[in-house]
Amino acid sequence: MCIGICIGNKFLSPKYKKANEIFQIMCTLSLIFSMGVMLGQDDNFFDKLFTLGWESFLFFLVPSVCSVILVFILTKRFMDDKRKKEKD
């Protein structure tokens, strides 16, 4: 998907961008569908559902919190320097 975004942004002419958008959506839908099929084939899916939910929640929470902390630190560091230069 990232490759499609880069190609669409840098190399494709504007008339092909709509086709590229549709292609990206179709790839995303096929990925979601195949993930659903893989989960549906598991005989113990409902037994593992609670565990999968917690794992998914942690995979969302940890990177999000780390990203917010990193952006906060970088903003404090670089934006304070910029504000000090503007005041002088």
PDB file of N, CA and C in Angstrom:
ATOM      1  N   MET A   1       0.821  -1.179   0.000  1.00  0.00           N
ATOM      2  CA  MET A   1       0.000   0.000   0.000  1.00  0.00           C
ATOM      3  C   MET A   1       0.875   1.255   0.000  1.00  0.00           C
ATOM      4  N   CYS A   2       1.941   1.220   0.777  1.00  0.00           N
ATOM      5  CA  CYS A   2       2.851   2.369   0.813  1.00  0.00           C
ATOM      6  C   CYS A   2       3.505   2.595  -0.544  1.00  0.00           C
ATOM      7  N   ILE A   3       3.829   1.513  -1.213  1.00  0.00           N
ATOM      8  CA  ILE A   3       4.421   1.634  -2.549  1.00  0.00           C
ATOM      9  C   ILE A   3       3.428   2.291  -3.501  1.00  0.00           C
ATOM     10  N   GLY A   4       2.164   1.901  -3.408  1.00  0.00           N
ATOM     11  CA  GLY A   4       1.133   2.505  -4.249  1.00  0.00           C
ATOM     12  C   GLY A   4       0.967   3.988  -3.984  1.00  0.00           C
ATOM     13  N   ILE A   5       1.057   4.382  -2.723  1.00  0.00           N
ATOM     14  CA  ILE A   5       0.948   5.803  -2.377  1.00  0.00           C
ATOM     15  C   ILE A   5       2.126   6.575  -2.960  1.00  0.00           C
ATOM     16  N   CYS A   6       3.333   6.036  -2.795  1.00  0.00           N
ATOM     17  CA  CYS A   6       4.524   6.718  -3.319  1.00  0.00           C
ATOM     18  C   CYS A   6       4.487   6.825  -4.839  1.00  0.00           C
ATOM     19  N   ILE A   7       4.124   5.742  -5.489  1.00  0.00           N
ATOM     20  CA  ILE A   7       4.049   5.768  -6.953  1.00  0.00           C
ATOM     21  C   ILE A   7       2.974   6.749  -7.409  1.00  0.00           C
ATOM     22  N   GLY A   8       1.827   6.717  -6.762  1.00  0.00           N
ATOM     23  CA  GLY A   8       0.742   7.614  -7.145  1.00  0.00           C
ATOM     24  C   GLY A   8       1.072   9.073  -6.923  1.00  0.00           C
ATOM     25  N   ASN A   9       1.838   9.345  -5.896  1.00  0.00           N
ATOM     26  CA  ASN A   9       2.162  10.726  -5.573  1.00  0.00           C
ATOM     27  C   ASN A   9       3.285  11.280  -6.451  1.00  0.00           C
ATOM     28  N   LYS A  10       4.244  10.454  -6.803  1.00  0.00           N
ATOM     29  CA  LYS A  10       5.433  10.947  -7.498  1.00  0.00           C
ATOM     30  C   LYS A  10       5.453  10.658  -8.995  1.00  0.00           C
ATOM     31  N   PHE A  11       4.946   9.504  -9.405  1.00  0.00           N
ATOM     32  CA  PHE A  11       5.199   9.062 -10.770  1.00  0.00           C
ATOM     33  C   PHE A  11       3.984   9.061 -11.685  1.00  0.00           C
ATOM     34  N   LEU A  12       2.804   8.974 -11.141  1.00  0.00           N
ATOM     35  CA  LEU A  12       1.620   8.879 -11.998  1.00  0.00           C
ATOM     36  C   LEU A  12       1.089  10.257 -12.366  1.00  0.00           C
ATOM     37  N   SER A  13       0.591  10.354 -13.560  1.00  0.00           N
ATOM     38  CA  SER A  13      -0.040  11.601 -13.975  1.00  0.00           C
ATOM     39  C   SER A  13      -1.402  11.712 -13.291  1.00  0.00           C
ATOM     40  N   PRO A  14      -1.954  12.907 -13.212  1.00  0.00           N
ATOM     41  CA  PRO A  14      -3.236  13.092 -12.509  1.00  0.00           C
ATOM     42  C   PRO A  14      -4.380  12.240 -13.052  1.00  0.00           C
ATOM     43  N   LYS A  15      -4.350  11.892 -14.328  1.00  0.00           N
ATOM     44  CA  LYS A  15      -5.471  11.117 -14.870  1.00  0.00           C
ATOM     45  C   LYS A  15      -5.459   9.670 -14.373  1.00  0.00           C
ATOM     46  N   TYR A  16      -4.326   9.169 -13.901  1.00  0.00           N
ATOM     47  CA  TYR A  16      -4.240   7.804 -13.379  1.00  0.00           C
ATOM     48  C   TYR A  16      -4.398   7.735 -11.858  1.00  0.00           C
ATOM     49  N   LYS A  17      -4.480   8.883 -11.196  1.00  0.00           N
ATOM     50  CA  LYS A  17      -4.565   8.880  -9.737  1.00  0.00           C
ATOM     51  C   LYS A  17      -5.853   8.237  -9.238  1.00  0.00           C
ATOM     52  N   LYS A  18      -6.949   8.436  -9.928  1.00  0.00           N
ATOM     53  CA  LYS A  18      -8.222   7.833  -9.504  1.00  0.00           C
ATOM     54  C   LYS A  18      -8.138   6.309  -9.581  1.00  0.00           C
ATOM     55  N   ALA A  19      -7.543   5.792 -10.649  1.00  0.00           N
ATOM     56  CA  ALA A  19      -7.376   4.340 -10.778  1.00  0.00           C
ATOM     57  C   ALA A  19      -6.462   3.806  -9.677  1.00  0.00           C
ATOM     58  N   ASN A  20      -5.431   4.570  -9.330  1.00  0.00           N
ATOM     59  CA  ASN A  20      -4.525   4.170  -8.256  1.00  0.00           C
ATOM     60  C   ASN A  20      -5.259   4.145  -6.915  1.00  0.00           C
ATOM     61  N   GLU A  21      -6.130   5.117  -6.670  1.00  0.00           N
ATOM     62  CA  GLU A  21      -6.914   5.136  -5.434  1.00  0.00           C
ATOM     63  C   GLU A  21      -7.811   3.908  -5.343  1.00  0.00           C
ATOM     64  N   ILE A  22      -8.456   3.575  -6.433  1.00  0.00           N
ATOM     65  CA  ILE A  22      -9.335   2.398  -6.452  1.00  0.00           C
ATOM     66  C   ILE A  22      -8.515   1.131  -6.221  1.00  0.00           C
ATOM     67  N   PHE A  23      -7.340   1.047  -6.840  1.00  0.00           N
ATOM     68  CA  PHE A  23      -6.465  -0.108  -6.652  1.00  0.00           C
ATOM     69  C   PHE A  23      -6.051  -0.249  -5.187  1.00  0.00           C
ATOM     70  N   GLN A  24      -5.715   0.858  -4.532  1.00  0.00           N
ATOM     71  CA  GLN A  24      -5.329   0.820  -3.126  1.00  0.00           C
ATOM     72  C   GLN A  24      -6.492   0.360  -2.251  1.00  0.00           C
ATOM     73  N   ILE A  25      -7.688   0.829  -2.541  1.00  0.00           N
ATOM     74  CA  ILE A  25      -8.863   0.415  -1.767  1.00  0.00           C
ATOM     75  C   ILE A  25      -9.124  -1.070  -1.960  1.00  0.00           C
ATOM     76  N   MET A  26      -8.996  -1.551  -3.189  1.00  0.00           N
ATOM     77  CA  MET A  26      -9.208  -2.975  -3.451  1.00  0.00           C
ATOM     78  C   MET A  26      -8.166  -3.835  -2.726  1.00  0.00           C
ATOM     79  N   CYS A  27      -6.927  -3.377  -2.689  1.00  0.00           N
ATOM     80  CA  CYS A  27      -5.888  -4.111  -1.955  1.00  0.00           C
ATOM     81  C   CYS A  27      -6.201  -4.149  -0.464  1.00  0.00           C
ATOM     82  N   THR A  28      -6.656  -3.029   0.083  1.00  0.00           N
ATOM     83  CA  THR A  28      -7.015  -2.987   1.497  1.00  0.00           C
ATOM     84  C   THR A  28      -8.182  -3.912   1.793  1.00  0.00           C
ATOM     85  N   LEU A  29      -9.197  -3.897   0.938  1.00  0.00           N
ATOM     86  CA  LEU A  29     -10.352  -4.776   1.146  1.00  0.00           C
ATOM     87  C   LEU A  29      -9.963  -6.248   1.045  1.00  0.00           C
ATOM     88  N   SER A  30      -9.097  -6.588   0.105  1.00  0.00           N
ATOM     89  CA  SER A  30      -8.673  -7.989  -0.013  1.00  0.00           C
ATOM     90  C   SER A  30      -7.845  -8.416   1.195  1.00  0.00           C
ATOM     91  N   LEU A  31      -7.056  -7.502   1.743  1.00  0.00           N
ATOM     92  CA  LEU A  31      -6.294  -7.808   2.951  1.00  0.00           C
ATOM     93  C   LEU A  31      -7.224  -8.070   4.130  1.00  0.00           C
ATOM     94  N   ILE A  32      -8.217  -7.214   4.314  1.00  0.00           N
ATOM     95  CA  ILE A  32      -9.180  -7.396   5.403  1.00  0.00           C
ATOM     96  C   ILE A  32      -9.960  -8.691   5.213  1.00  0.00           C
ATOM     97  N   PHE A  33     -10.369  -8.979   3.988  1.00  0.00           N
ATOM     98  CA  PHE A  33     -11.110 -10.207   3.707  1.00  0.00           C
ATOM     99  C   PHE A  33     -10.265 -11.439   4.016  1.00  0.00           C
ATOM    100  N   SER A  34      -9.008 -11.435   3.566  1.00  0.00           N
ATOM    101  CA  SER A  34      -8.154 -12.604   3.803  1.00  0.00           C
ATOM    102  C   SER A  34      -7.867 -12.789   5.289  1.00  0.00           C
ATOM    103  N   MET A  35      -7.737 -11.694   6.028  1.00  0.00           N
ATOM    104  CA  MET A  35      -7.559 -11.809   7.474  1.00  0.00           C
ATOM    105  C   MET A  35      -8.797 -12.417   8.117  1.00  0.00           C
ATOM    106  N   GLY A  36      -9.971 -12.028   7.662  1.00  0.00           N
ATOM    107  CA  GLY A  36     -11.212 -12.603   8.173  1.00  0.00           C
ATOM    108  C   GLY A  36     -11.330 -14.082   7.868  1.00  0.00           C
ATOM    109  N   VAL A  37     -10.913 -14.478   6.676  1.00  0.00           N
ATOM    110  CA  VAL A  37     -10.948 -15.898   6.305  1.00  0.00           C
ATOM    111  C   VAL A  37     -10.008 -16.697   7.197  1.00  0.00           C
ATOM    112  N   MET A  38      -8.814 -16.160   7.426  1.00  0.00           N
ATOM    113  CA  MET A  38      -7.855 -16.867   8.281  1.00  0.00           C
ATOM    114  C   MET A  38      -8.388 -17.015   9.702  1.00  0.00           C
ATOM    115  N   LEU A  39      -9.010 -15.969  10.227  1.00  0.00           N
ATOM    116  CA  LEU A  39      -9.582 -16.061  11.572  1.00  0.00           C
ATOM    117  C   LEU A  39     -10.773 -17.004  11.596  1.00  0.00           C
ATOM    118  N   GLY A  40     -11.571 -17.008  10.550  1.00  0.00           N
ATOM    119  CA  GLY A  40     -12.750 -17.862  10.486  1.00  0.00           C
ATOM    120  C   GLY A  40     -12.420 -19.336  10.391  1.00  0.00           C
ATOM    121  N   GLN A  41     -11.252 -19.678   9.878  1.00  0.00           N
ATOM    122  CA  GLN A  41     -10.850 -21.080   9.763  1.00  0.00           C
ATOM    123  C   GLN A  41     -10.406 -21.668  11.097  1.00  0.00           C
ATOM    124  N   ASP A  42     -10.118 -20.817  12.060  1.00  0.00           N
ATOM    125  CA  ASP A  42      -9.648 -21.289  13.359  1.00  0.00           C
ATOM    126  C   ASP A  42     -10.813 -21.886  14.141  1.00  0.00           C
ATOM    127  N   ASP A  43     -10.678 -23.147  14.557  1.00  0.00           N
ATOM    128  CA  ASP A  43     -11.745 -23.823  15.293  1.00  0.00           C
ATOM    129  C   ASP A  43     -11.963 -23.224  16.680  1.00  0.00           C
ATOM    130  N   ASN A  44     -10.929 -22.695  17.275  1.00  0.00           N
ATOM    131  CA  ASN A  44     -11.021 -22.128  18.624  1.00  0.00           C
ATOM    132  C   ASN A  44     -11.123 -20.611  18.586  1.00  0.00           C
ATOM    133  N   PHE A  45     -11.713 -20.072  17.554  1.00  0.00           N
ATOM    134  CA  PHE A  45     -11.757 -18.617  17.380  1.00  0.00           C
ATOM    135  C   PHE A  45     -12.442 -17.928  18.550  1.00  0.00           C
ATOM    136  N   PHE A  46     -13.601 -18.416  18.953  1.00  0.00           N
ATOM    137  CA  PHE A  46     -14.335 -17.752  20.031  1.00  0.00           C
ATOM    138  C   PHE A  46     -13.629 -17.903  21.368  1.00  0.00           C
ATOM    139  N   ASP A  47     -12.871 -18.979  21.548  1.00  0.00           N
ATOM    140  CA  ASP A  47     -12.083 -19.130  22.769  1.00  0.00           C
ATOM    141  C   ASP A  47     -10.925 -18.137  22.799  1.00  0.00           C
ATOM    142  N   LYS A  48     -10.371 -17.844  21.641  1.00  0.00           N
ATOM    143  CA  LYS A  48      -9.224 -16.938  21.543  1.00  0.00           C
ATOM    144  C   LYS A  48      -9.635 -15.477  21.345  1.00  0.00           C
ATOM    145  N   LEU A  49     -10.910 -15.218  21.194  1.00  0.00           N
ATOM    146  CA  LEU A  49     -11.370 -13.868  20.855  1.00  0.00           C
ATOM    147  C   LEU A  49     -10.974 -12.847  21.910  1.00  0.00           C
ATOM    148  N   PHE A  50     -11.113 -13.190  23.180  1.00  0.00           N
ATOM    149  CA  PHE A  50     -10.746 -12.263  24.250  1.00  0.00           C
ATOM    150  C   PHE A  50      -9.252 -11.953  24.203  1.00  0.00           C
ATOM    151  N   THR A  51      -8.435 -12.986  24.008  1.00  0.00           N
ATOM    152  CA  THR A  51      -6.988 -12.792  23.923  1.00  0.00           C
ATOM    153  C   THR A  51      -6.620 -11.952  22.705  1.00  0.00           C
ATOM    154  N   LEU A  52      -7.258 -12.222  21.579  1.00  0.00           N
ATOM    155  CA  LEU A  52      -6.993 -11.432  20.372  1.00  0.00           C
ATOM    156  C   LEU A  52      -7.371  -9.969  20.579  1.00  0.00           C
ATOM    157  N   GLY A  53      -8.457  -9.743  21.299  1.00  0.00           N
ATOM    158  CA  GLY A  53      -8.881  -8.374  21.573  1.00  0.00           C
ATOM    159  C   GLY A  53      -7.863  -7.617  22.397  1.00  0.00           C
ATOM    160  N   TRP A  54      -7.343  -8.268  23.438  1.00  0.00           N
ATOM    161  CA  TRP A  54      -6.335  -7.613  24.264  1.00  0.00           C
ATOM    162  C   TRP A  54      -5.046  -7.385  23.495  1.00  0.00           C
ATOM    163  N   GLU A  55      -4.643  -8.360  22.695  1.00  0.00           N
ATOM    164  CA  GLU A  55      -3.434  -8.178  21.890  1.00  0.00           C
ATOM    165  C   GLU A  55      -3.612  -7.024  20.907  1.00  0.00           C
ATOM    166  N   SER A  56      -4.756  -6.957  20.282  1.00  0.00           N
ATOM    167  CA  SER A  56      -5.029  -5.864  19.341  1.00  0.00           C
ATOM    168  C   SER A  56      -5.021  -4.526  20.059  1.00  0.00           C
ATOM    169  N   PHE A  57      -5.614  -4.489  21.232  1.00  0.00           N
ATOM    170  CA  PHE A  57      -5.647  -3.249  22.012  1.00  0.00           C
ATOM    171  C   PHE A  57      -4.233  -2.806  22.376  1.00  0.00           C
ATOM    172  N   LEU A  58      -3.396  -3.752  22.788  1.00  0.00           N
ATOM    173  CA  LEU A  58      -2.020  -3.400  23.135  1.00  0.00           C
ATOM    174  C   LEU A  58      -1.218  -2.975  21.911  1.00  0.00           C
ATOM    175  N   PHE A  59      -1.452  -3.633  20.774  1.00  0.00           N
ATOM    176  CA  PHE A  59      -0.767  -3.226  19.542  1.00  0.00           C
ATOM    177  C   PHE A  59      -1.196  -1.831  19.098  1.00  0.00           C
ATOM    178  N   PHE A  60      -2.379  -1.400  19.493  1.00  0.00           N
ATOM    179  CA  PHE A  60      -2.816  -0.036  19.203  1.00  0.00           C
ATOM    180  C   PHE A  60      -2.253   0.930  20.242  1.00  0.00           C
ATOM    181  N   LEU A  61      -2.354   0.551  21.520  1.00  0.00           N
ATOM    182  CA  LEU A  61      -2.061   1.473  22.609  1.00  0.00           C
ATOM    183  C   LEU A  61      -0.574   1.813  22.715  1.00  0.00           C
ATOM    184  N   VAL A  62       0.276   0.814  22.697  1.00  0.00           N
ATOM    185  CA  VAL A  62       1.706   1.047  22.912  1.00  0.00           C
ATOM    186  C   VAL A  62       2.306   1.963  21.838  1.00  0.00           C
ATOM    187  N   PRO A  63       2.122   1.697  20.544  1.00  0.00           N
ATOM    188  CA  PRO A  63       2.685   2.627  19.553  1.00  0.00           C
ATOM    189  C   PRO A  63       2.058   4.018  19.606  1.00  0.00           C
ATOM    190  N   SER A  64       0.769   4.086  19.923  1.00  0.00           N
ATOM    191  CA  SER A  64       0.116   5.397  19.992  1.00  0.00           C
ATOM    192  C   SER A  64       0.688   6.231  21.124  1.00  0.00           C
ATOM    193  N   VAL A  65       0.827   5.631  22.296  1.00  0.00           N
ATOM    194  CA  VAL A  65       1.374   6.356  23.447  1.00  0.00           C
ATOM    195  C   VAL A  65       2.820   6.756  23.179  1.00  0.00           C
ATOM    196  N   CYS A  66       3.607   5.849  22.632  1.00  0.00           N
ATOM    197  CA  CYS A  66       5.002   6.178  22.320  1.00  0.00           C
ATOM    198  C   CYS A  66       5.097   7.293  21.280  1.00  0.00           C
ATOM    199  N   SER A  67       4.218   7.288  20.295  1.00  0.00           N
ATOM    200  CA  SER A  67       4.218   8.344  19.278  1.00  0.00           C
ATOM    201  C   SER A  67       3.862   9.689  19.886  1.00  0.00           C
ATOM    202  N   VAL A  68       2.869   9.713  20.754  1.00  0.00           N
ATOM    203  CA  VAL A  68       2.471  10.968  21.394  1.00  0.00           C
ATOM    204  C   VAL A  68       3.608  11.502  22.250  1.00  0.00           C
ATOM    205  N   ILE A  69       4.257  10.638  23.000  1.00  0.00           N
ATOM    206  CA  ILE A  69       5.376  11.069  23.840  1.00  0.00           C
ATOM    207  C   ILE A  69       6.519  11.597  22.979  1.00  0.00           C
ATOM    208  N   LEU A  70       6.850  10.894  21.907  1.00  0.00           N
ATOM    209  CA  LEU A  70       7.931  11.329  21.025  1.00  0.00           C
ATOM    210  C   LEU A  70       7.615  12.676  20.372  1.00  0.00           C
ATOM    211  N   VAL A  71       6.397  12.845  19.891  1.00  0.00           N
ATOM    212  CA  VAL A  71       6.006  14.121  19.277  1.00  0.00           C
ATOM    213  C   VAL A  71       6.036  15.236  20.312  1.00  0.00           C
ATOM    214  N   PHE A  72       5.597  14.968  21.525  1.00  0.00           N
ATOM    215  CA  PHE A  72       5.624  15.977  22.586  1.00  0.00           C
ATOM    216  C   PHE A  72       7.055  16.418  22.871  1.00  0.00           C
ATOM    217  N   ILE A  73       7.949  15.447  23.014  1.00  0.00           N
ATOM    218  CA  ILE A  73       9.350  15.772  23.308  1.00  0.00           C
ATOM    219  C   ILE A  73       9.980  16.552  22.155  1.00  0.00           C
ATOM    220  N   LEU A  74       9.782  16.101  20.927  1.00  0.00           N
ATOM    221  CA  LEU A  74      10.370  16.794  19.777  1.00  0.00           C
ATOM    222  C   LEU A  74       9.779  18.183  19.586  1.00  0.00           C
ATOM    223  N   THR A  75       8.478  18.316  19.839  1.00  0.00           N
ATOM    224  CA  THR A  75       7.847  19.630  19.721  1.00  0.00           C
ATOM    225  C   THR A  75       8.407  20.584  20.759  1.00  0.00           C
ATOM    226  N   LYS A  76       8.535  20.126  21.984  1.00  0.00           N
ATOM    227  CA  LYS A  76       9.104  20.978  23.034  1.00  0.00           C
ATOM    228  C   LYS A  76      10.524  21.399  22.672  1.00  0.00           C
ATOM    229  N   ARG A  77      11.291  20.467  22.156  1.00  0.00           N
ATOM    230  CA  ARG A  77      12.687  20.763  21.857  1.00  0.00           C
ATOM    231  C   ARG A  77      12.834  21.731  20.690  1.00  0.00           C
ATOM    232  N   PHE A  78      12.161  21.449  19.589  1.00  0.00           N
ATOM    233  CA  PHE A  78      12.374  22.246  18.387  1.00  0.00           C
ATOM    234  C   PHE A  78      11.486  23.482  18.322  1.00  0.00           C
ATOM    235  N   MET A  79      10.292  23.416  18.834  1.00  0.00           N
ATOM    236  CA  MET A  79       9.403  24.581  18.781  1.00  0.00           C
ATOM    237  C   MET A  79       9.834  25.642  19.780  1.00  0.00           C
ATOM    238  N   ASP A  80      10.362  25.250  20.939  1.00  0.00           N
ATOM    239  CA  ASP A  80      10.860  26.235  21.888  1.00  0.00           C
ATOM    240  C   ASP A  80      12.052  26.980  21.312  1.00  0.00           C
ATOM    241  N   ASP A  81      12.940  26.270  20.612  1.00  0.00           N
ATOM    242  CA  ASP A  81      14.080  26.924  19.973  1.00  0.00           C
ATOM    243  C   ASP A  81      13.607  27.923  18.924  1.00  0.00           C
ATOM    244  N   LYS A  82      12.594  27.567  18.168  1.00  0.00           N
ATOM    245  CA  LYS A  82      12.072  28.443  17.122  1.00  0.00           C
ATOM    246  C   LYS A  82      11.419  29.676  17.741  1.00  0.00           C
ATOM    247  N   ARG A  83      10.681  29.489  18.820  1.00  0.00           N
ATOM    248  CA  ARG A  83      10.029  30.624  19.483  1.00  0.00           C
ATOM    249  C   ARG A  83      11.053  31.570  20.091  1.00  0.00           C
ATOM    250  N   LYS A  84      12.124  31.032  20.656  1.00  0.00           N
ATOM    251  CA  LYS A  84      13.168  31.873  21.233  1.00  0.00           C
ATOM    252  C   LYS A  84      13.849  32.705  20.153  1.00  0.00           C
ATOM    253  N   LYS A  85      14.088  32.108  18.991  1.00  0.00           N
ATOM    254  CA  LYS A  85      14.717  32.840  17.890  1.00  0.00           C
ATOM    255  C   LYS A  85      13.807  33.937  17.368  1.00  0.00           C
ATOM    256  N   GLU A  86      12.491  33.684  17.349  1.00  0.00           N
ATOM    257  CA  GLU A  86      11.546  34.691  16.866  1.00  0.00           C
ATOM    258  C   GLU A  86      11.454  35.867  17.829  1.00  0.00           C
ATOM    259  N   LYS A  87      11.598  35.626  19.124  1.00  0.00           N
ATOM    260  CA  LYS A  87      11.527  36.702  20.115  1.00  0.00           C
ATOM    261  C   LYS A  87      12.757  37.600  20.051  1.00  0.00           C
ATOM    262  N   ASP A  88      13.908  37.003  19.705  1.00  0.00           N
ATOM    263  CA  ASP A  88      15.156  37.790  19.658  1.00  0.00           C
ATOM    264  C   ASP A  88      15.260  38.573  18.418  1.00  0.00           C
TER     265      ASP A  88
END
